[in-house]
Amino acid sequence: MPFHTGLIQAYMAIVDDKLMIAFVWSVILDISTGMAKGFINQKTGKLNSTKGLLGLIKHAVVIFLILTIYPFMNAVGFESPADALLIFYIATYGISVIENLGQMGVPFPEFIKKYFTKLQDNYNQGGHNDKIK
């Protein structure tokens, strides 16, 4: 089979790929919780459109890279590294969702909070540069 045919099939296969579906949902959850956090935590009474726009640009770049690299890696036979890359981004977005929820006031147990800098009590007081104990 010619390479371009395999590449086209790899791009078409991402529609049904479970990891790709999980990635898309993790991005949607991160964007949603980030926007909700912005609405809930309005200290100045105004939302920061610049911060939101920069976040959306970062998400767009990651999505573009994943949609470009993941199918190509699968087409050339690097399925395991491609899956590892996607799992890395799913985990990263999952961490961001947990941080967003915590900053909105959703309570988390201490054994979870100790692993997330943004969920620690001293984060908002400027102590976020301290080492995690």
N, C-alpha and C. Protein backbone atom coordinates (compact mmCIF):
# COMPACT_ATOMS: atom_id res chain seq x y z
N MET A 1 0.85 -1.18 0.00
CA MET A 1 0.00 0.00 0.00
C MET A 1 0.90 1.24 0.00
N PRO A 2 0.60 2.22 -0.83
CA PRO A 2 1.39 3.46 -0.84
C PRO A 2 1.25 4.22 0.48
N PHE A 3 2.32 4.96 0.81
CA PHE A 3 2.34 5.67 2.10
C PHE A 3 1.18 6.65 2.22
N HIS A 4 0.89 7.38 1.16
CA HIS A 4 -0.17 8.40 1.25
C HIS A 4 -1.53 7.76 1.55
N THR A 5 -1.75 6.54 1.09
CA THR A 5 -3.01 5.85 1.38
C THR A 5 -3.08 5.50 2.86
N GLY A 6 -1.98 5.00 3.41
CA GLY A 6 -1.93 4.69 4.84
C GLY A 6 -2.09 5.93 5.69
N LEU A 7 -1.51 7.04 5.25
CA LEU A 7 -1.63 8.29 5.98
C LEU A 7 -3.08 8.80 5.99
N ILE A 8 -3.73 8.71 4.85
CA ILE A 8 -5.14 9.12 4.77
C ILE A 8 -6.00 8.23 5.67
N GLN A 9 -5.72 6.93 5.68
CA GLN A 9 -6.47 6.03 6.55
C GLN A 9 -6.22 6.34 8.03
N ALA A 10 -4.98 6.72 8.37
CA ALA A 10 -4.67 7.08 9.76
C ALA A 10 -5.42 8.34 10.17
N TYR A 11 -5.52 9.30 9.27
CA TYR A 11 -6.28 10.52 9.57
C TYR A 11 -7.77 10.22 9.71
N MET A 12 -8.28 9.34 8.89
CA MET A 12 -9.69 8.99 8.98
C MET A 12 -10.00 8.18 10.25
N ALA A 13 -9.02 7.42 10.73
CA ALA A 13 -9.21 6.57 11.90
C ALA A 13 -9.31 7.36 13.20
N ILE A 14 -8.86 8.62 13.23
CA ILE A 14 -8.90 9.36 14.49
C ILE A 14 -10.33 9.67 14.93
N VAL A 15 -11.26 9.58 14.03
CA VAL A 15 -12.66 9.84 14.37
C VAL A 15 -13.17 8.83 15.39
N ASP A 16 -12.74 7.58 15.28
CA ASP A 16 -13.19 6.51 16.16
C ASP A 16 -12.17 6.14 17.24
N ASP A 17 -11.06 6.84 17.29
CA ASP A 17 -9.99 6.53 18.25
C ASP A 17 -10.42 6.95 19.66
N LYS A 18 -10.42 6.01 20.60
CA LYS A 18 -10.88 6.29 21.97
C LYS A 18 -9.99 7.31 22.67
N LEU A 19 -8.68 7.23 22.43
CA LEU A 19 -7.78 8.22 23.05
C LEU A 19 -8.03 9.62 22.49
N MET A 20 -8.31 9.70 21.20
CA MET A 20 -8.58 11.01 20.60
C MET A 20 -9.89 11.58 21.14
N ILE A 21 -10.88 10.73 21.34
CA ILE A 21 -12.15 11.18 21.92
C ILE A 21 -11.93 11.67 23.34
N ALA A 22 -11.12 10.94 24.12
CA ALA A 22 -10.81 11.36 25.49
C ALA A 22 -10.04 12.69 25.49
N PHE A 23 -9.14 12.85 24.52
CA PHE A 23 -8.40 14.11 24.40
C PHE A 23 -9.34 15.28 24.12
N VAL A 24 -10.24 15.10 23.17
CA VAL A 24 -11.18 16.17 22.81
C VAL A 24 -12.03 16.55 24.02
N TRP A 25 -12.54 15.55 24.76
CA TRP A 25 -13.36 15.84 25.93
C TRP A 25 -12.55 16.51 27.04
N SER A 26 -11.27 16.13 27.18
CA SER A 26 -10.46 16.78 28.20
C SER A 26 -10.21 18.25 27.85
N VAL A 27 -10.03 18.55 26.57
CA VAL A 27 -9.87 19.94 26.15
C VAL A 27 -11.16 20.72 26.40
N ILE A 28 -12.30 20.13 26.05
CA ILE A 28 -13.59 20.79 26.26
C ILE A 28 -13.83 21.06 27.74
N LEU A 29 -13.53 20.06 28.59
CA LEU A 29 -13.69 20.24 30.03
C LEU A 29 -12.77 21.33 30.58
N ASP A 30 -11.53 21.35 30.09
CA ASP A 30 -10.59 22.36 30.57
C ASP A 30 -11.04 23.77 30.17
N ILE A 31 -11.47 23.93 28.96
CA ILE A 31 -11.95 25.25 28.51
C ILE A 31 -13.19 25.65 29.30
N SER A 32 -14.11 24.71 29.48
CA SER A 32 -15.35 25.01 30.21
C SER A 32 -15.08 25.38 31.67
N THR A 33 -14.24 24.58 32.34
CA THR A 33 -13.96 24.90 33.74
C THR A 33 -13.13 26.16 33.88
N GLY A 34 -12.28 26.42 32.91
CA GLY A 34 -11.50 27.67 32.93
C GLY A 34 -12.39 28.89 32.78
N MET A 35 -13.36 28.81 31.89
CA MET A 35 -14.29 29.92 31.72
C MET A 35 -15.17 30.08 32.96
N ALA A 36 -15.64 28.96 33.51
CA ALA A 36 -16.46 29.02 34.72
C ALA A 36 -15.66 29.62 35.87
N LYS A 37 -14.39 29.24 35.98
CA LYS A 37 -13.52 29.81 37.02
C LYS A 37 -13.41 31.32 36.86
N GLY A 38 -13.30 31.77 35.62
CA GLY A 38 -13.22 33.20 35.37
C GLY A 38 -14.48 33.93 35.80
N PHE A 39 -15.63 33.34 35.57
CA PHE A 39 -16.89 33.96 35.98
C PHE A 39 -17.07 33.93 37.48
N ILE A 40 -16.70 32.84 38.11
CA ILE A 40 -16.93 32.68 39.55
C ILE A 40 -15.95 33.51 40.38
N ASN A 41 -14.71 33.57 39.95
CA ASN A 41 -13.67 34.24 40.73
C ASN A 41 -13.42 35.68 40.28
N GLN A 42 -14.44 36.40 39.95
CA GLN A 42 -14.28 37.79 39.54
C GLN A 42 -13.99 38.66 40.76
N LYS A 43 -12.74 38.98 40.97
CA LYS A 43 -12.39 39.83 42.11
C LYS A 43 -12.57 41.30 41.76
N THR A 44 -12.35 41.63 40.50
CA THR A 44 -12.46 43.02 40.09
C THR A 44 -13.83 43.34 39.52
N GLY A 45 -14.66 42.34 39.35
CA GLY A 45 -15.97 42.56 38.75
C GLY A 45 -15.93 42.53 37.24
N LYS A 46 -14.72 42.31 36.67
CA LYS A 46 -14.57 42.28 35.22
C LYS A 46 -13.81 41.02 34.83
N LEU A 47 -14.13 40.49 33.68
CA LEU A 47 -13.42 39.34 33.16
C LEU A 47 -12.22 39.81 32.35
N ASN A 48 -11.18 38.99 32.29
CA ASN A 48 -9.98 39.33 31.55
C ASN A 48 -10.01 38.62 30.19
N SER A 49 -10.38 39.36 29.16
CA SER A 49 -10.51 38.75 27.84
C SER A 49 -9.15 38.38 27.26
N THR A 50 -8.09 39.10 27.63
CA THR A 50 -6.76 38.79 27.12
C THR A 50 -6.30 37.43 27.61
N LYS A 51 -6.53 37.15 28.90
CA LYS A 51 -6.14 35.86 29.46
C LYS A 51 -6.93 34.73 28.80
N GLY A 52 -8.21 34.93 28.58
CA GLY A 52 -9.03 33.92 27.93
C GLY A 52 -8.62 33.69 26.49
N LEU A 53 -8.29 34.77 25.77
CA LEU A 53 -7.87 34.64 24.38
C LEU A 53 -6.54 33.91 24.27
N LEU A 54 -5.60 34.23 25.16
CA LEU A 54 -4.32 33.53 25.14
C LEU A 54 -4.51 32.04 25.44
N GLY A 55 -5.40 31.73 26.37
CA GLY A 55 -5.69 30.33 26.67
C GLY A 55 -6.27 29.60 25.47
N LEU A 56 -7.19 30.25 24.77
CA LEU A 56 -7.79 29.62 23.59
C LEU A 56 -6.76 29.44 22.48
N ILE A 57 -5.84 30.39 22.34
CA ILE A 57 -4.78 30.25 21.33
C ILE A 57 -3.88 29.06 21.67
N LYS A 58 -3.53 28.91 22.96
CA LYS A 58 -2.72 27.77 23.38
C LYS A 58 -3.44 26.45 23.10
N HIS A 59 -4.73 26.40 23.42
CA HIS A 59 -5.50 25.19 23.14
C HIS A 59 -5.52 24.90 21.64
N ALA A 60 -5.71 25.92 20.84
CA ALA A 60 -5.76 25.73 19.38
C ALA A 60 -4.44 25.19 18.85
N VAL A 61 -3.33 25.69 19.37
CA VAL A 61 -2.01 25.21 18.92
C VAL A 61 -1.83 23.74 19.29
N VAL A 62 -2.19 23.37 20.53
CA VAL A 62 -2.06 21.98 20.96
C VAL A 62 -2.96 21.07 20.11
N ILE A 63 -4.19 21.49 19.89
CA ILE A 63 -5.11 20.69 19.07
C ILE A 63 -4.57 20.52 17.66
N PHE A 64 -4.06 21.60 17.08
CA PHE A 64 -3.49 21.52 15.73
C PHE A 64 -2.31 20.55 15.69
N LEU A 65 -1.42 20.65 16.69
CA LEU A 65 -0.27 19.75 16.73
C LEU A 65 -0.69 18.29 16.87
N ILE A 66 -1.64 18.04 17.76
CA ILE A 66 -2.10 16.66 17.97
C ILE A 66 -2.77 16.13 16.70
N LEU A 67 -3.62 16.94 16.08
CA LEU A 67 -4.31 16.48 14.86
C LEU A 67 -3.34 16.29 13.69
N THR A 68 -2.18 16.92 13.76
CA THR A 68 -1.18 16.76 12.72
C THR A 68 -0.23 15.60 13.02
N ILE A 69 0.27 15.54 14.24
CA ILE A 69 1.32 14.59 14.59
C ILE A 69 0.78 13.19 14.87
N TYR A 70 -0.31 13.09 15.64
CA TYR A 70 -0.81 11.78 16.08
C TYR A 70 -1.11 10.83 14.90
N PRO A 71 -1.89 11.24 13.91
CA PRO A 71 -2.16 10.31 12.79
C PRO A 71 -0.89 9.98 11.99
N PHE A 72 0.00 10.97 11.86
CA PHE A 72 1.23 10.72 11.12
C PHE A 72 2.09 9.67 11.83
N MET A 73 2.21 9.80 13.16
CA MET A 73 2.98 8.82 13.92
C MET A 73 2.37 7.43 13.80
N ASN A 74 1.06 7.35 13.81
CA ASN A 74 0.39 6.05 13.63
C ASN A 74 0.66 5.48 12.24
N ALA A 75 0.69 6.35 11.24
CA ALA A 75 0.89 5.89 9.86
C ALA A 75 2.30 5.36 9.63
N VAL A 76 3.28 5.91 10.34
CA VAL A 76 4.66 5.45 10.14
C VAL A 76 5.05 4.33 11.10
N GLY A 77 4.10 3.88 11.92
CA GLY A 77 4.36 2.73 12.76
C GLY A 77 4.75 3.04 14.20
N PHE A 78 4.62 4.27 14.62
CA PHE A 78 4.94 4.66 16.00
C PHE A 78 3.66 4.80 16.82
N GLU A 79 2.89 3.72 16.89
CA GLU A 79 1.60 3.77 17.60
C GLU A 79 1.78 4.01 19.09
N SER A 80 2.73 3.32 19.71
CA SER A 80 2.93 3.46 21.17
C SER A 80 3.39 4.86 21.56
N PRO A 81 4.40 5.44 20.89
CA PRO A 81 4.76 6.82 21.24
C PRO A 81 3.63 7.81 20.94
N ALA A 82 2.85 7.55 19.90
CA ALA A 82 1.73 8.43 19.59
C ALA A 82 0.68 8.37 20.70
N ASP A 83 0.39 7.15 21.17
CA ASP A 83 -0.55 7.01 22.29
C ASP A 83 -0.01 7.65 23.56
N ALA A 84 1.30 7.50 23.80
CA ALA A 84 1.92 8.12 24.98
C ALA A 84 1.81 9.65 24.93
N LEU A 85 1.99 10.21 23.74
CA LEU A 85 1.86 11.66 23.57
C LEU A 85 0.43 12.10 23.89
N LEU A 86 -0.52 11.38 23.39
CA LEU A 86 -1.92 11.72 23.63
C LEU A 86 -2.29 11.54 25.10
N ILE A 87 -1.81 10.48 25.73
CA ILE A 87 -2.07 10.27 27.15
C ILE A 87 -1.45 11.38 27.99
N PHE A 88 -0.27 11.85 27.60
CA PHE A 88 0.37 12.97 28.29
C PHE A 88 -0.52 14.21 28.27
N TYR A 89 -1.06 14.53 27.11
CA TYR A 89 -1.92 15.72 27.00
C TYR A 89 -3.25 15.52 27.73
N ILE A 90 -3.79 14.32 27.69
CA ILE A 90 -5.02 14.04 28.44
C ILE A 90 -4.78 14.25 29.93
N ALA A 91 -3.65 13.74 30.43
CA ALA A 91 -3.32 13.91 31.85
C ALA A 91 -3.09 15.38 32.20
N THR A 92 -2.41 16.10 31.31
CA THR A 92 -2.16 17.52 31.55
C THR A 92 -3.47 18.31 31.63
N TYR A 93 -4.37 18.03 30.71
CA TYR A 93 -5.67 18.71 30.75
C TYR A 93 -6.49 18.26 31.95
N GLY A 94 -6.37 17.00 32.34
CA GLY A 94 -7.06 16.53 33.54
C GLY A 94 -6.59 17.25 34.79
N ILE A 95 -5.29 17.45 34.90
CA ILE A 95 -4.74 18.21 36.03
C ILE A 95 -5.27 19.63 36.03
N SER A 96 -5.33 20.23 34.86
CA SER A 96 -5.84 21.59 34.75
C SER A 96 -7.30 21.68 35.16
N VAL A 97 -8.09 20.67 34.80
CA VAL A 97 -9.51 20.65 35.18
C VAL A 97 -9.63 20.58 36.70
N ILE A 98 -8.83 19.71 37.34
CA ILE A 98 -8.87 19.60 38.80
C ILE A 98 -8.46 20.91 39.45
N GLU A 99 -7.43 21.57 38.92
CA GLU A 99 -7.01 22.86 39.46
C GLU A 99 -8.11 23.91 39.30
N ASN A 100 -8.74 23.94 38.15
CA ASN A 100 -9.83 24.89 37.92
C ASN A 100 -10.97 24.66 38.90
N LEU A 101 -11.35 23.40 39.07
CA LEU A 101 -12.43 23.09 40.01
C LEU A 101 -12.06 23.50 41.43
N GLY A 102 -10.83 23.22 41.82
CA GLY A 102 -10.37 23.60 43.16
C GLY A 102 -10.36 25.10 43.36
N GLN A 103 -9.97 25.85 42.35
CA GLN A 103 -9.96 27.31 42.46
C GLN A 103 -11.35 27.90 42.43
N MET A 104 -12.33 27.12 41.97
CA MET A 104 -13.72 27.57 42.02
C MET A 104 -14.36 27.27 43.36
N GLY A 105 -13.65 26.55 44.22
CA GLY A 105 -14.18 26.26 45.54
C GLY A 105 -14.67 24.85 45.74
N VAL A 106 -14.51 23.99 44.75
CA VAL A 106 -14.90 22.59 44.92
C VAL A 106 -13.92 21.96 45.93
N PRO A 107 -14.45 21.39 47.01
CA PRO A 107 -13.54 20.84 48.03
C PRO A 107 -12.88 19.53 47.56
N PHE A 108 -11.60 19.42 47.85
CA PHE A 108 -10.84 18.21 47.58
C PHE A 108 -10.18 17.76 48.87
N PRO A 109 -10.02 16.46 49.07
CA PRO A 109 -9.35 15.97 50.28
C PRO A 109 -7.89 16.43 50.32
N GLU A 110 -7.33 16.50 51.51
CA GLU A 110 -5.96 16.97 51.69
C GLU A 110 -4.95 16.10 50.94
N PHE A 111 -5.20 14.78 50.88
CA PHE A 111 -4.23 13.92 50.20
C PHE A 111 -4.17 14.20 48.70
N ILE A 112 -5.20 14.83 48.16
CA ILE A 112 -5.17 15.25 46.75
C ILE A 112 -4.60 16.66 46.64
N LYS A 113 -5.01 17.55 47.53
CA LYS A 113 -4.58 18.94 47.48
C LYS A 113 -3.06 19.10 47.61
N LYS A 114 -2.41 18.19 48.34
CA LYS A 114 -0.98 18.34 48.56
C LYS A 114 -0.17 18.15 47.28
N TYR A 115 -0.75 17.54 46.26
CA TYR A 115 -0.05 17.33 45.00
C TYR A 115 -0.32 18.43 43.97
N PHE A 116 -1.20 19.36 44.28
CA PHE A 116 -1.54 20.43 43.35
C PHE A 116 -1.20 21.78 43.97
N THR A 117 -0.22 22.46 43.44
CA THR A 117 0.22 23.74 43.98
C THR A 117 -0.92 24.74 44.02
N LYS A 118 -1.71 24.80 42.97
CA LYS A 118 -2.78 25.79 42.90
C LYS A 118 -3.92 25.51 43.87
N LEU A 119 -3.97 24.33 44.46
CA LEU A 119 -5.02 24.00 45.42
C LEU A 119 -4.57 24.18 46.87
N GLN A 120 -3.30 24.47 47.06
CA GLN A 120 -2.82 24.63 48.43
C GLN A 120 -3.26 25.98 48.98
N ASP A 121 -3.48 26.02 50.30
CA ASP A 121 -4.04 27.20 50.94
C ASP A 121 -3.16 28.43 50.80
N ASN A 122 -1.85 28.27 50.76
CA ASN A 122 -0.97 29.44 50.69
C ASN A 122 -0.74 29.93 49.27
N TYR A 123 -1.35 29.31 48.26
CA TYR A 123 -1.14 29.72 46.88
C TYR A 123 -1.61 31.15 46.64
N ASN A 124 -2.80 31.48 47.12
CA ASN A 124 -3.36 32.81 46.90
C ASN A 124 -2.68 33.88 47.74
N GLN A 125 -1.96 33.48 48.80
CA GLN A 125 -1.25 34.45 49.63
C GLN A 125 0.18 34.68 49.13
N GLY A 126 0.52 34.16 47.98
CA GLY A 126 1.85 34.39 47.41
C GLY A 126 2.87 33.35 47.83
N GLY A 127 2.48 32.32 48.54
CA GLY A 127 3.41 31.30 48.99
C GLY A 127 3.54 30.15 48.02
N HIS A 128 3.16 30.35 46.76
CA HIS A 128 3.17 29.25 45.80
C HIS A 128 4.56 28.90 45.30
N ASN A 129 5.58 29.63 45.72
CA ASN A 129 6.94 29.27 45.32
C ASN A 129 7.59 28.34 46.34
N ASP A 130 6.92 28.09 47.45
CA ASP A 130 7.45 27.18 48.46
C ASP A 130 7.40 25.76 47.95
N LYS A 131 8.29 24.93 48.47
CA LYS A 131 8.30 23.52 48.06
C LYS A 131 7.08 22.82 48.65
N ILE A 132 6.56 21.87 47.90
CA ILE A 132 5.43 21.06 48.37
C ILE A 132 5.96 20.05 49.37
N LYS A 133 5.31 19.97 50.53
CA LYS A 133 5.78 19.05 51.56
C LYS A 133 5.12 17.71 51.40
